Amino acid sequence: MKVRSDKTHFIVSISFLLFIMAYFKYYGWLLETLQIGDPQLIFSPLGYSFIIFSMLSCVIDAYRHPDLKLNFFTYFNYILFFPKIFMGPLMRYADFQSQWNTHPTTIDNLYQGSIL
């Protein structure tokens, strides 16, 4: 039963993320094509594709490798870690986690990083 539940969560997560991406990418075009609304009223968040692809890669890695330790803080840090954009948004979560574990986050480190 657990395997089916994990697969169901995986499919729902992937479908939801792809729906969000398709909405922001194509909803304005659909309104303009059908001439049923003003596509200028649809806003597109800055960097949404980077964030969606990061979330997709994390969901896929978590599904393929259930032994990965994933908590709230590292998940959002992985998604919003902007310097990885230079490597591409499809960086594997396992690679990020191994680097994250070697450089722990402490209050002192956060303070030092924020004042420089």
PDB file of N, CA and C in Angstrom:
ATOM      1  N   MET A   1       0.822  -1.199   0.000  1.00  0.00           N
ATOM      2  CA  MET A   1       0.000   0.000   0.000  1.00  0.00           C
ATOM      3  C   MET A   1       0.864   1.259   0.000  1.00  0.00           C
ATOM      4  N   LYS A   2       1.992   1.223   0.685  1.00  0.00           N
ATOM      5  CA  LYS A   2       2.863   2.389   0.751  1.00  0.00           C
ATOM      6  C   LYS A   2       3.414   2.758  -0.620  1.00  0.00           C
ATOM      7  N   VAL A   3       3.759   1.779  -1.443  1.00  0.00           N
ATOM      8  CA  VAL A   3       4.312   2.045  -2.761  1.00  0.00           C
ATOM      9  C   VAL A   3       3.280   2.758  -3.629  1.00  0.00           C
ATOM     10  N   ARG A   4       2.051   2.321  -3.568  1.00  0.00           N
ATOM     11  CA  ARG A   4       1.003   2.957  -4.359  1.00  0.00           C
ATOM     12  C   ARG A   4       0.761   4.384  -3.888  1.00  0.00           C
ATOM     13  N   SER A   5       0.790   4.602  -2.591  1.00  0.00           N
ATOM     14  CA  SER A   5       0.601   5.935  -2.039  1.00  0.00           C
ATOM     15  C   SER A   5       1.736   6.858  -2.479  1.00  0.00           C
ATOM     16  N   ASP A   6       2.977   6.356  -2.446  1.00  0.00           N
ATOM     17  CA  ASP A   6       4.113   7.157  -2.896  1.00  0.00           C
ATOM     18  C   ASP A   6       3.995   7.490  -4.376  1.00  0.00           C
ATOM     19  N   LYS A   7       3.581   6.527  -5.167  1.00  0.00           N
ATOM     20  CA  LYS A   7       3.435   6.771  -6.600  1.00  0.00           C
ATOM     21  C   LYS A   7       2.305   7.760  -6.865  1.00  0.00           C
ATOM     22  N   THR A   8       1.234   7.664  -6.106  1.00  0.00           N
ATOM     23  CA  THR A   8       0.127   8.609  -6.257  1.00  0.00           C
ATOM     24  C   THR A   8       0.573  10.018  -5.904  1.00  0.00           C
ATOM     25  N   HIS A   9       1.295  10.171  -4.806  1.00  0.00           N
ATOM     26  CA  HIS A   9       1.805  11.489  -4.429  1.00  0.00           C
ATOM     27  C   HIS A   9       2.756  12.037  -5.487  1.00  0.00           C
ATOM     28  N   PHE A  10       3.571  11.163  -6.037  1.00  0.00           N
ATOM     29  CA  PHE A  10       4.521  11.559  -7.075  1.00  0.00           C
ATOM     30  C   PHE A  10       3.780  12.078  -8.307  1.00  0.00           C
ATOM     31  N   ILE A  11       2.797  11.355  -8.762  1.00  0.00           N
ATOM     32  CA  ILE A  11       2.046  11.747  -9.962  1.00  0.00           C
ATOM     33  C   ILE A  11       1.268  13.033  -9.722  1.00  0.00           C
ATOM     34  N   VAL A  12       0.654  13.166  -8.557  1.00  0.00           N
ATOM     35  CA  VAL A  12      -0.091  14.388  -8.238  1.00  0.00           C
ATOM     36  C   VAL A  12       0.855  15.578  -8.158  1.00  0.00           C
ATOM     37  N   SER A  13       2.003  15.396  -7.546  1.00  0.00           N
ATOM     38  CA  SER A  13       2.975  16.494  -7.427  1.00  0.00           C
ATOM     39  C   SER A  13       3.478  16.947  -8.784  1.00  0.00           C
ATOM     40  N   ILE A  14       3.855  16.012  -9.630  1.00  0.00           N
ATOM     41  CA  ILE A  14       4.344  16.342 -10.962  1.00  0.00           C
ATOM     42  C   ILE A  14       3.244  17.023 -11.776  1.00  0.00           C
ATOM     43  N   SER A  15       2.035  16.495 -11.714  1.00  0.00           N
ATOM     44  CA  SER A  15       0.919  17.079 -12.460  1.00  0.00           C
ATOM     45  C   SER A  15       0.615  18.496 -11.994  1.00  0.00           C
ATOM     46  N   PHE A  16       0.621  18.720 -10.698  1.00  0.00           N
ATOM     47  CA  PHE A  16       0.348  20.050 -10.165  1.00  0.00           C
ATOM     48  C   PHE A  16       1.407  21.051 -10.613  1.00  0.00           C
ATOM     49  N   LEU A  17       2.678  20.674 -10.526  1.00  0.00           N
ATOM     50  CA  LEU A  17       3.753  21.581 -10.929  1.00  0.00           C
ATOM     51  C   LEU A  17       3.698  21.885 -12.427  1.00  0.00           C
ATOM     52  N   LEU A  18       3.414  20.896 -13.243  1.00  0.00           N
ATOM     53  CA  LEU A  18       3.301  21.130 -14.682  1.00  0.00           C
ATOM     54  C   LEU A  18       2.079  21.983 -15.009  1.00  0.00           C
ATOM     55  N   PHE A  19       0.994  21.818 -14.250  1.00  0.00           N
ATOM     56  CA  PHE A  19      -0.187  22.655 -14.452  1.00  0.00           C
ATOM     57  C   PHE A  19       0.129  24.118 -14.137  1.00  0.00           C
ATOM     58  N   ILE A  20       0.834  24.363 -13.039  1.00  0.00           N
ATOM     59  CA  ILE A  20       1.212  25.736 -12.675  1.00  0.00           C
ATOM     60  C   ILE A  20       2.064  26.351 -13.777  1.00  0.00           C
ATOM     61  N   MET A  21       3.019  25.595 -14.293  1.00  0.00           N
ATOM     62  CA  MET A  21       3.887  26.110 -15.340  1.00  0.00           C
ATOM     63  C   MET A  21       3.094  26.395 -16.614  1.00  0.00           C
ATOM     64  N   ALA A  22       2.217  25.486 -16.993  1.00  0.00           N
ATOM     65  CA  ALA A  22       1.415  25.685 -18.199  1.00  0.00           C
ATOM     66  C   ALA A  22       0.469  26.875 -18.040  1.00  0.00           C
ATOM     67  N   TYR A  23      -0.067  27.059 -16.854  1.00  0.00           N
ATOM     68  CA  TYR A  23      -0.976  28.191 -16.616  1.00  0.00           C
ATOM     69  C   TYR A  23      -0.267  29.513 -16.890  1.00  0.00           C
ATOM     70  N   PHE A  24       0.880  29.719 -16.283  1.00  0.00           N
ATOM     71  CA  PHE A  24       1.578  30.989 -16.463  1.00  0.00           C
ATOM     72  C   PHE A  24       2.148  31.135 -17.871  1.00  0.00           C
ATOM     73  N   LYS A  25       2.442  30.039 -18.520  1.00  0.00           N
ATOM     74  CA  LYS A  25       3.041  30.106 -19.854  1.00  0.00           C
ATOM     75  C   LYS A  25       1.990  30.323 -20.939  1.00  0.00           C
ATOM     76  N   TYR A  26       0.831  29.669 -20.822  1.00  0.00           N
ATOM     77  CA  TYR A  26      -0.111  29.633 -21.939  1.00  0.00           C
ATOM     78  C   TYR A  26      -1.467  30.271 -21.684  1.00  0.00           C
ATOM     79  N   TYR A  27      -1.802  30.660 -20.469  1.00  0.00           N
ATOM     80  CA  TYR A  27      -3.136  31.195 -20.213  1.00  0.00           C
ATOM     81  C   TYR A  27      -3.350  32.524 -20.936  1.00  0.00           C
ATOM     82  N   GLY A  28      -2.367  33.398 -20.921  1.00  0.00           N
ATOM     83  CA  GLY A  28      -2.482  34.674 -21.638  1.00  0.00           C
ATOM     84  C   GLY A  28      -2.641  34.465 -23.138  1.00  0.00           C
ATOM     85  N   TRP A  29      -1.878  33.504 -23.681  1.00  0.00           N
ATOM     86  CA  TRP A  29      -1.989  33.185 -25.104  1.00  0.00           C
ATOM     87  C   TRP A  29      -3.379  32.647 -25.429  1.00  0.00           C
ATOM     88  N   LEU A  30      -3.935  31.822 -24.558  1.00  0.00           N
ATOM     89  CA  LEU A  30      -5.266  31.265 -24.777  1.00  0.00           C
ATOM     90  C   LEU A  30      -6.326  32.362 -24.761  1.00  0.00           C
ATOM     91  N   LEU A  31      -6.215  33.292 -23.811  1.00  0.00           N
ATOM     92  CA  LEU A  31      -7.164  34.403 -23.759  1.00  0.00           C
ATOM     93  C   LEU A  31      -7.085  35.264 -25.020  1.00  0.00           C
ATOM     94  N   GLU A  32      -5.879  35.498 -25.483  1.00  0.00           N
ATOM     95  CA  GLU A  32      -5.695  36.317 -26.681  1.00  0.00           C
ATOM     96  C   GLU A  32      -6.213  35.602 -27.927  1.00  0.00           C
ATOM     97  N   THR A  33      -5.962  34.299 -28.031  1.00  0.00           N
ATOM     98  CA  THR A  33      -6.396  33.540 -29.197  1.00  0.00           C
ATOM     99  C   THR A  33      -7.917  33.447 -29.273  1.00  0.00           C
ATOM    100  N   LEU A  34      -8.543  33.172 -28.149  1.00  0.00           N
ATOM    101  CA  LEU A  34     -10.005  33.049 -28.121  1.00  0.00           C
ATOM    102  C   LEU A  34     -10.708  34.395 -28.006  1.00  0.00           C
ATOM    103  N   GLN A  35      -9.950  35.448 -27.782  1.00  0.00           N
ATOM    104  CA  GLN A  35     -10.468  36.809 -27.624  1.00  0.00           C
ATOM    105  C   GLN A  35     -11.585  36.877 -26.580  1.00  0.00           C
ATOM    106  N   ILE A  36     -11.315  36.278 -25.419  1.00  0.00           N
ATOM    107  CA  ILE A  36     -12.316  36.278 -24.355  1.00  0.00           C
ATOM    108  C   ILE A  36     -11.868  37.062 -23.132  1.00  0.00           C
ATOM    109  N   GLY A  37     -10.707  37.661 -23.202  1.00  0.00           N
ATOM    110  CA  GLY A  37     -10.223  38.417 -22.056  1.00  0.00           C
ATOM    111  C   GLY A  37      -8.991  39.216 -22.427  1.00  0.00           C
ATOM    112  N   ASP A  38      -8.502  39.949 -21.476  1.00  0.00           N
ATOM    113  CA  ASP A  38      -7.315  40.774 -21.686  1.00  0.00           C
ATOM    114  C   ASP A  38      -6.086  40.029 -21.175  1.00  0.00           C
ATOM    115  N   PRO A  39      -5.197  39.589 -22.062  1.00  0.00           N
ATOM    116  CA  PRO A  39      -4.015  38.851 -21.608  1.00  0.00           C
ATOM    117  C   PRO A  39      -3.034  39.721 -20.836  1.00  0.00           C
ATOM    118  N   GLN A  40      -3.173  41.039 -20.912  1.00  0.00           N
ATOM    119  CA  GLN A  40      -2.285  41.935 -20.171  1.00  0.00           C
ATOM    120  C   GLN A  40      -2.550  41.870 -18.674  1.00  0.00           C
ATOM    121  N   LEU A  41      -3.716  41.384 -18.274  1.00  0.00           N
ATOM    122  CA  LEU A  41      -4.047  41.287 -16.852  1.00  0.00           C
ATOM    123  C   LEU A  41      -3.392  40.079 -16.181  1.00  0.00           C
ATOM    124  N   ILE A  42      -2.853  39.159 -16.972  1.00  0.00           N
ATOM    125  CA  ILE A  42      -2.192  37.975 -16.427  1.00  0.00           C
ATOM    126  C   ILE A  42      -0.734  38.328 -16.175  1.00  0.00           C
ATOM    127  N   PHE A  43      -0.290  38.184 -14.941  1.00  0.00           N
ATOM    128  CA  PHE A  43       1.104  38.455 -14.624  1.00  0.00           C
ATOM    129  C   PHE A  43       1.876  37.134 -14.559  1.00  0.00           C
ATOM    130  N   SER A  44       3.127  37.219 -14.854  1.00  0.00           N
ATOM    131  CA  SER A  44       3.994  36.055 -14.808  1.00  0.00           C
ATOM    132  C   SER A  44       5.066  36.312 -13.751  1.00  0.00           C
ATOM    133  N   PRO A  45       5.106  35.514 -12.702  1.00  0.00           N
ATOM    134  CA  PRO A  45       6.098  35.738 -11.647  1.00  0.00           C
ATOM    135  C   PRO A  45       7.525  35.612 -12.176  1.00  0.00           C
ATOM    136  N   LEU A  46       8.391  36.401 -11.637  1.00  0.00           N
ATOM    137  CA  LEU A  46       9.788  36.402 -12.052  1.00  0.00           C
ATOM    138  C   LEU A  46      10.468  35.104 -11.616  1.00  0.00           C
ATOM    139  N   GLY A  47      11.059  34.406 -12.541  1.00  0.00           N
ATOM    140  CA  GLY A  47      11.817  33.191 -12.241  1.00  0.00           C
ATOM    141  C   GLY A  47      10.969  31.969 -11.941  1.00  0.00           C
ATOM    142  N   TYR A  48       9.706  31.968 -12.348  1.00  0.00           N
ATOM    143  CA  TYR A  48       8.841  30.839 -11.997  1.00  0.00           C
ATOM    144  C   TYR A  48       9.324  29.540 -12.635  1.00  0.00           C
ATOM    145  N   SER A  49       9.865  29.582 -13.846  1.00  0.00           N
ATOM    146  CA  SER A  49      10.304  28.335 -14.475  1.00  0.00           C
ATOM    147  C   SER A  49      11.512  27.750 -13.738  1.00  0.00           C
ATOM    148  N   PHE A  50      12.412  28.617 -13.259  1.00  0.00           N
ATOM    149  CA  PHE A  50      13.547  28.152 -12.463  1.00  0.00           C
ATOM    150  C   PHE A  50      13.067  27.448 -11.202  1.00  0.00           C
ATOM    151  N   ILE A  51      12.098  28.039 -10.532  1.00  0.00           N
ATOM    152  CA  ILE A  51      11.577  27.463  -9.296  1.00  0.00           C
ATOM    153  C   ILE A  51      10.813  26.177  -9.575  1.00  0.00           C
ATOM    154  N   ILE A  52       9.989  26.161 -10.622  1.00  0.00           N
ATOM    155  CA  ILE A  52       9.218  24.957 -10.957  1.00  0.00           C
ATOM    156  C   ILE A  52      10.152  23.805 -11.330  1.00  0.00           C
ATOM    157  N   PHE A  53      11.170  24.084 -12.152  1.00  0.00           N
ATOM    158  CA  PHE A  53      12.100  23.017 -12.517  1.00  0.00           C
ATOM    159  C   PHE A  53      12.889  22.523 -11.308  1.00  0.00           C
ATOM    160  N   SER A  54      13.232  23.412 -10.399  1.00  0.00           N
ATOM    161  CA  SER A  54      13.910  22.985  -9.170  1.00  0.00           C
ATOM    162  C   SER A  54      13.007  22.091  -8.334  1.00  0.00           C
ATOM    163  N   MET A  55      11.735  22.464  -8.249  1.00  0.00           N
ATOM    164  CA  MET A  55      10.783  21.646  -7.492  1.00  0.00           C
ATOM    165  C   MET A  55      10.590  20.287  -8.162  1.00  0.00           C
ATOM    166  N   LEU A  56      10.512  20.279  -9.486  1.00  0.00           N
ATOM    167  CA  LEU A  56      10.371  19.011 -10.207  1.00  0.00           C
ATOM    168  C   LEU A  56      11.570  18.097  -9.967  1.00  0.00           C
ATOM    169  N   SER A  57      12.776  18.658 -10.035  1.00  0.00           N
ATOM    170  CA  SER A  57      13.956  17.812  -9.827  1.00  0.00           C
ATOM    171  C   SER A  57      14.004  17.270  -8.403  1.00  0.00           C
ATOM    172  N   CYS A  58      13.555  18.068  -7.438  1.00  0.00           N
ATOM    173  CA  CYS A  58      13.534  17.606  -6.049  1.00  0.00           C
ATOM    174  C   CYS A  58      12.498  16.498  -5.848  1.00  0.00           C
ATOM    175  N   VAL A  59      11.326  16.666  -6.440  1.00  0.00           N
ATOM    176  CA  VAL A  59      10.276  15.642  -6.330  1.00  0.00           C
ATOM    177  C   VAL A  59      10.736  14.338  -6.979  1.00  0.00           C
ATOM    178  N   ILE A  60      11.358  14.436  -8.138  1.00  0.00           N
ATOM    179  CA  ILE A  60      11.829  13.240  -8.838  1.00  0.00           C
ATOM    180  C   ILE A  60      12.934  12.549  -8.049  1.00  0.00           C
ATOM    181  N   ASP A  61      13.886  13.326  -7.524  1.00  0.00           N
ATOM    182  CA  ASP A  61      14.955  12.725  -6.724  1.00  0.00           C
ATOM    183  C   ASP A  61      14.417  12.086  -5.450  1.00  0.00           C
ATOM    184  N   ALA A  62      13.459  12.742  -4.805  1.00  0.00           N
ATOM    185  CA  ALA A  62      12.881  12.179  -3.581  1.00  0.00           C
ATOM    186  C   ALA A  62      12.117  10.888  -3.875  1.00  0.00           C
ATOM    187  N   TYR A  63      11.493  10.816  -5.044  1.00  0.00           N
ATOM    188  CA  TYR A  63      10.767   9.598  -5.409  1.00  0.00           C
ATOM    189  C   TYR A  63      11.731   8.463  -5.757  1.00  0.00           C
ATOM    190  N   ARG A  64      12.777   8.787  -6.504  1.00  0.00           N
ATOM    191  CA  ARG A  64      13.737   7.753  -6.920  1.00  0.00           C
ATOM    192  C   ARG A  64      14.617   7.270  -5.773  1.00  0.00           C
ATOM    193  N   HIS A  65      14.924   8.164  -4.830  1.00  0.00           N
ATOM    194  CA  HIS A  65      15.810   7.840  -3.716  1.00  0.00           C
ATOM    195  C   HIS A  65      15.096   8.155  -2.398  1.00  0.00           C
ATOM    196  N   PRO A  66      14.281   7.242  -1.912  1.00  0.00           N
ATOM    197  CA  PRO A  66      13.524   7.522  -0.683  1.00  0.00           C
ATOM    198  C   PRO A  66      14.402   7.670   0.558  1.00  0.00           C
ATOM    199  N   ASP A  67      15.675   7.314   0.468  1.00  0.00           N
ATOM    200  CA  ASP A  67      16.568   7.435   1.615  1.00  0.00           C
ATOM    201  C   ASP A  67      17.118   8.860   1.776  1.00  0.00           C
ATOM    202  N   LEU A  68      16.844   9.755   0.835  1.00  0.00           N
ATOM    203  CA  LEU A  68      17.295  11.143   0.964  1.00  0.00           C
ATOM    204  C   LEU A  68      16.600  11.810   2.139  1.00  0.00           C
ATOM    205  N   LYS A  69      17.370  12.562   2.896  1.00  0.00           N
ATOM    206  CA  LYS A  69      16.802  13.286   4.029  1.00  0.00           C
ATOM    207  C   LYS A  69      16.345  14.654   3.530  1.00  0.00           C
ATOM    208  N   LEU A  70      15.057  14.867   3.596  1.00  0.00           N
ATOM    209  CA  LEU A  70      14.471  16.091   3.068  1.00  0.00           C
ATOM    210  C   LEU A  70      13.617  16.730   4.151  1.00  0.00           C
ATOM    211  N   ASN A  71      14.014  17.922   4.570  1.00  0.00           N
ATOM    212  CA  ASN A  71      13.180  18.641   5.531  1.00  0.00           C
ATOM    213  C   ASN A  71      12.808  19.986   4.948  1.00  0.00           C
ATOM    214  N   PHE A  72      11.976  20.707   5.650  1.00  0.00           N
ATOM    215  CA  PHE A  72      11.415  21.968   5.166  1.00  0.00           C
ATOM    216  C   PHE A  72      12.505  22.978   4.815  1.00  0.00           C
ATOM    217  N   PHE A  73      13.481  23.153   5.691  1.00  0.00           N
ATOM    218  CA  PHE A  73      14.514  24.167   5.494  1.00  0.00           C
ATOM    219  C   PHE A  73      15.399  23.855   4.297  1.00  0.00           C
ATOM    220  N   THR A  74      15.864  22.618   4.181  1.00  0.00           N
ATOM    221  CA  THR A  74      16.740  22.287   3.055  1.00  0.00           C
ATOM    222  C   THR A  74      15.971  22.261   1.733  1.00  0.00           C
ATOM    223  N   TYR A  75      14.699  21.890   1.772  1.00  0.00           N
ATOM    224  CA  TYR A  75      13.876  21.882   0.555  1.00  0.00           C
ATOM    225  C   TYR A  75      13.750  23.290  -0.017  1.00  0.00           C
ATOM    226  N   PHE A  76      13.365  24.250   0.807  1.00  0.00           N
ATOM    227  CA  PHE A  76      13.214  25.611   0.308  1.00  0.00           C
ATOM    228  C   PHE A  76      14.551  26.265   0.003  1.00  0.00           C
ATOM    229  N   ASN A  77      15.575  25.900   0.710  1.00  0.00           N
ATOM    230  CA  ASN A  77      16.895  26.413   0.397  1.00  0.00           C
ATOM    231  C   ASN A  77      17.372  25.867  -0.951  1.00  0.00           C
ATOM    232  N   TYR A  78      17.085  24.614  -1.214  1.00  0.00           N
ATOM    233  CA  TYR A  78      17.445  24.020  -2.508  1.00  0.00           C
ATOM    234  C   TYR A  78      16.692  24.709  -3.642  1.00  0.00           C
ATOM    235  N   ILE A  79      15.421  24.944  -3.456  1.00  0.00           N
ATOM    236  CA  ILE A  79      14.607  25.551  -4.510  1.00  0.00           C
ATOM    237  C   ILE A  79      15.033  26.986  -4.791  1.00  0.00           C
ATOM    238  N   LEU A  80      15.281  27.749  -3.750  1.00  0.00           N
ATOM    239  CA  LEU A  80      15.567  29.170  -3.920  1.00  0.00           C
ATOM    240  C   LEU A  80      17.057  29.502  -3.931  1.00  0.00           C
ATOM    241  N   PHE A  81      17.917  28.509  -3.971  1.00  0.00           N
ATOM    242  CA  PHE A  81      19.354  28.749  -3.970  1.00  0.00           C
ATOM    243  C   PHE A  81      19.755  29.247  -5.348  1.00  0.00           C
ATOM    244  N   PHE A  82      19.795  30.561  -5.483  1.00  0.00           N
ATOM    245  CA  PHE A  82      19.950  31.191  -6.784  1.00  0.00           C
ATOM    246  C   PHE A  82      21.293  30.911  -7.461  1.00  0.00           C
ATOM    247  N   PRO A  83      22.424  30.780  -6.753  1.00  0.00           N
ATOM    248  CA  PRO A  83      23.686  30.521  -7.467  1.00  0.00           C
ATOM    249  C   PRO A  83      23.687  29.242  -8.294  1.00  0.00           C
ATOM    250  N   LYS A  84      22.787  28.316  -8.036  1.00  0.00           N
ATOM    251  CA  LYS A  84      22.794  27.097  -8.846  1.00  0.00           C
ATOM    252  C   LYS A  84      22.205  27.320 -10.226  1.00  0.00           C
ATOM    253  N   ILE A  85      21.695  28.529 -10.490  1.00  0.00           N
ATOM    254  CA  ILE A  85      21.175  28.823 -11.823  1.00  0.00           C
ATOM    255  C   ILE A  85      22.294  28.772 -12.856  1.00  0.00           C
ATOM    256  N   PHE A  86      23.528  29.044 -12.434  1.00  0.00           N
ATOM    257  CA  PHE A  86      24.651  28.989 -13.361  1.00  0.00           C
ATOM    258  C   PHE A  86      24.978  27.558 -13.750  1.00  0.00           C
ATOM    259  N   MET A  87      24.622  26.612 -12.897  1.00  0.00           N
ATOM    260  CA  MET A  87      24.838  25.205 -13.208  1.00  0.00           C
ATOM    261  C   MET A  87      23.638  24.632 -13.941  1.00  0.00           C
ATOM    262  N   GLY A  88      22.555  25.357 -13.956  1.00  0.00           N
ATOM    263  CA  GLY A  88      21.312  24.885 -14.545  1.00  0.00           C
ATOM    264  C   GLY A  88      20.350  24.493 -13.451  1.00  0.00           C
ATOM    265  N   PRO A  89      19.070  24.678 -13.668  1.00  0.00           N
ATOM    266  CA  PRO A  89      18.091  24.381 -12.616  1.00  0.00           C
ATOM    267  C   PRO A  89      17.906  22.898 -12.346  1.00  0.00           C
ATOM    268  N   LEU A  90      18.510  22.040 -13.151  1.00  0.00           N
ATOM    269  CA  LEU A  90      18.311  20.614 -12.951  1.00  0.00           C
ATOM    270  C   LEU A  90      19.438  19.967 -12.160  1.00  0.00           C
ATOM    271  N   MET A  91      19.978  20.692 -11.221  1.00  0.00           N
ATOM    272  CA  MET A  91      20.972  20.122 -10.315  1.00  0.00           C
ATOM    273  C   MET A  91      20.274  19.077  -9.445  1.00  0.00           C
ATOM    274  N   ARG A  92      20.907  17.982  -9.235  1.00  0.00           N
ATOM    275  CA  ARG A  92      20.307  16.920  -8.423  1.00  0.00           C
ATOM    276  C   ARG A  92      20.303  17.310  -6.950  1.00  0.00           C
ATOM    277  N   TYR A  93      19.221  16.943  -6.275  1.00  0.00           N
ATOM    278  CA  TYR A  93      19.107  17.263  -4.858  1.00  0.00           C
ATOM    279  C   TYR A  93      20.170  16.537  -4.045  1.00  0.00           C
ATOM    280  N   ALA A  94      20.518  15.325  -4.438  1.00  0.00           N
ATOM    281  CA  ALA A  94      21.532  14.564  -3.698  1.00  0.00           C
ATOM    282  C   ALA A  94      22.876  15.287  -3.715  1.00  0.00           C
ATOM    283  N   ASP A  95      23.233  15.883  -4.854  1.00  0.00           N
ATOM    284  CA  ASP A  95      24.477  16.649  -4.930  1.00  0.00           C
ATOM    285  C   ASP A  95      24.425  17.870  -4.029  1.00  0.00           C
ATOM    286  N   PHE A  96      23.286  18.542  -4.037  1.00  0.00           N
ATOM    287  CA  PHE A  96      23.112  19.721  -3.195  1.00  0.00           C
ATOM    288  C   PHE A  96      23.173  19.336  -1.720  1.00  0.00           C
ATOM    289  N   GLN A  97      22.514  18.232  -1.365  1.00  0.00           N
ATOM    290  CA  GLN A  97      22.466  17.804   0.033  1.00  0.00           C
ATOM    291  C   GLN A  97      23.850  17.448   0.547  1.00  0.00           C
ATOM    292  N   SER A  98      24.671  16.796  -0.283  1.00  0.00           N
ATOM    293  CA  SER A  98      26.013  16.432   0.183  1.00  0.00           C
ATOM    294  C   SER A  98      26.852  17.680   0.438  1.00  0.00           C
ATOM    295  N   GLN A  99      26.706  18.709  -0.381  1.00  0.00           N
ATOM    296  CA  GLN A  99      27.424  19.960  -0.162  1.00  0.00           C
ATOM    297  C   GLN A  99      26.846  20.717   1.026  1.00  0.00           C
ATOM    298  N   TRP A 100      25.531  20.653   1.171  1.00  0.00           N
ATOM    299  CA  TRP A 100      24.858  21.356   2.258  1.00  0.00           C
ATOM    300  C   TRP A 100      25.282  20.785   3.610  1.00  0.00           C
ATOM    301  N   ASN A 101      25.461  19.473   3.670  1.00  0.00           N
ATOM    302  CA  ASN A 101      25.840  18.837   4.930  1.00  0.00           C
ATOM    303  C   ASN A 101      27.269  19.170   5.343  1.00  0.00           C
ATOM    304  N   THR A 102      28.151  19.475   4.382  1.00  0.00           N
ATOM    305  CA  THR A 102      29.529  19.807   4.735  1.00  0.00           C
ATOM    306  C   THR A 102      29.680  21.253   5.191  1.00  0.00           C
ATOM    307  N   HIS A 103      28.702  22.092   4.907  1.00  0.00           N
ATOM    308  CA  HIS A 103      28.720  23.498   5.323  1.00  0.00           C
ATOM    309  C   HIS A 103      27.458  23.791   6.131  1.00  0.00           C
ATOM    310  N   PRO A 104      27.486  23.508   7.424  1.00  0.00           N
ATOM    311  CA  PRO A 104      26.266  23.652   8.222  1.00  0.00           C
ATOM    312  C   PRO A 104      25.837  25.114   8.364  1.00  0.00           C
ATOM    313  N   THR A 105      24.551  25.297   8.505  1.00  0.00           N
ATOM    314  CA  THR A 105      23.993  26.625   8.701  1.00  0.00           C
ATOM    315  C   THR A 105      23.851  26.888  10.193  1.00  0.00           C
ATOM    316  N   THR A 106      24.517  27.921  10.639  1.00  0.00           N
ATOM    317  CA  THR A 106      24.408  28.335  12.032  1.00  0.00           C
ATOM    318  C   THR A 106      23.999  29.802  12.058  1.00  0.00           C
ATOM    319  N   ILE A 107      23.570  30.258  13.199  1.00  0.00           N
ATOM    320  CA  ILE A 107      23.185  31.661  13.345  1.00  0.00           C
ATOM    321  C   ILE A 107      24.387  32.569  13.068  1.00  0.00           C
ATOM    322  N   ASP A 108      25.549  32.167  13.543  1.00  0.00           N
ATOM    323  CA  ASP A 108      26.748  32.963  13.323  1.00  0.00           C
ATOM    324  C   ASP A 108      27.089  33.045  11.828  1.00  0.00           C
ATOM    325  N   ASN A 109      26.984  31.923  11.115  1.00  0.00           N
ATOM    326  CA  ASN A 109      27.252  31.935   9.673  1.00  0.00           C
ATOM    327  C   ASN A 109      26.244  32.793   8.920  1.00  0.00           C
ATOM    328  N   LEU A 110      24.964  32.721   9.304  1.00  0.00           N
ATOM    329  CA  LEU A 110      23.949  33.560   8.670  1.00  0.00           C
ATOM    330  C   LEU A 110      24.221  35.040   8.923  1.00  0.00           C
ATOM    331  N   TYR A 111      24.622  35.365  10.145  1.00  0.00           N
ATOM    332  CA  TYR A 111      24.943  36.757  10.470  1.00  0.00           C
ATOM    333  C   TYR A 111      26.136  37.236   9.666  1.00  0.00           C
ATOM    334  N   GLN A 112      27.197  36.439   9.620  1.00  0.00           N
ATOM    335  CA  GLN A 112      28.393  36.821   8.874  1.00  0.00           C
ATOM    336  C   GLN A 112      28.089  36.984   7.381  1.00  0.00           C
ATOM    337  N   GLY A 113      27.259  36.126   6.851  1.00  0.00           N
ATOM    338  CA  GLY A 113      26.901  36.224   5.430  1.00  0.00           C
ATOM    339  C   GLY A 113      26.011  37.402   5.121  1.00  0.00           C
ATOM    340  N   SER A 114      25.219  37.829   6.066  1.00  0.00           N
ATOM    341  CA  SER A 114      24.320  38.953   5.806  1.00  0.00           C
ATOM    342  C   SER A 114      24.981  40.308   5.933  1.00  0.00           C
ATOM    343  N   ILE A 115      26.080  40.406   6.675  1.00  0.00           N
ATOM    344  CA  ILE A 115      26.714  41.720   6.843  1.00  0.00           C
ATOM    345  C   ILE A 115      27.814  41.985   5.829  1.00  0.00           C
ATOM    346  N   LEU A 116      28.232  40.980   5.102  1.00  0.00           N
ATOM    347  CA  LEU A 116      29.307  41.190   4.121  1.00  0.00           C
ATOM    348  C   LEU A 116      28.778  41.595   2.798  1.00  0.00           C
TER     349      LEU A 116
END
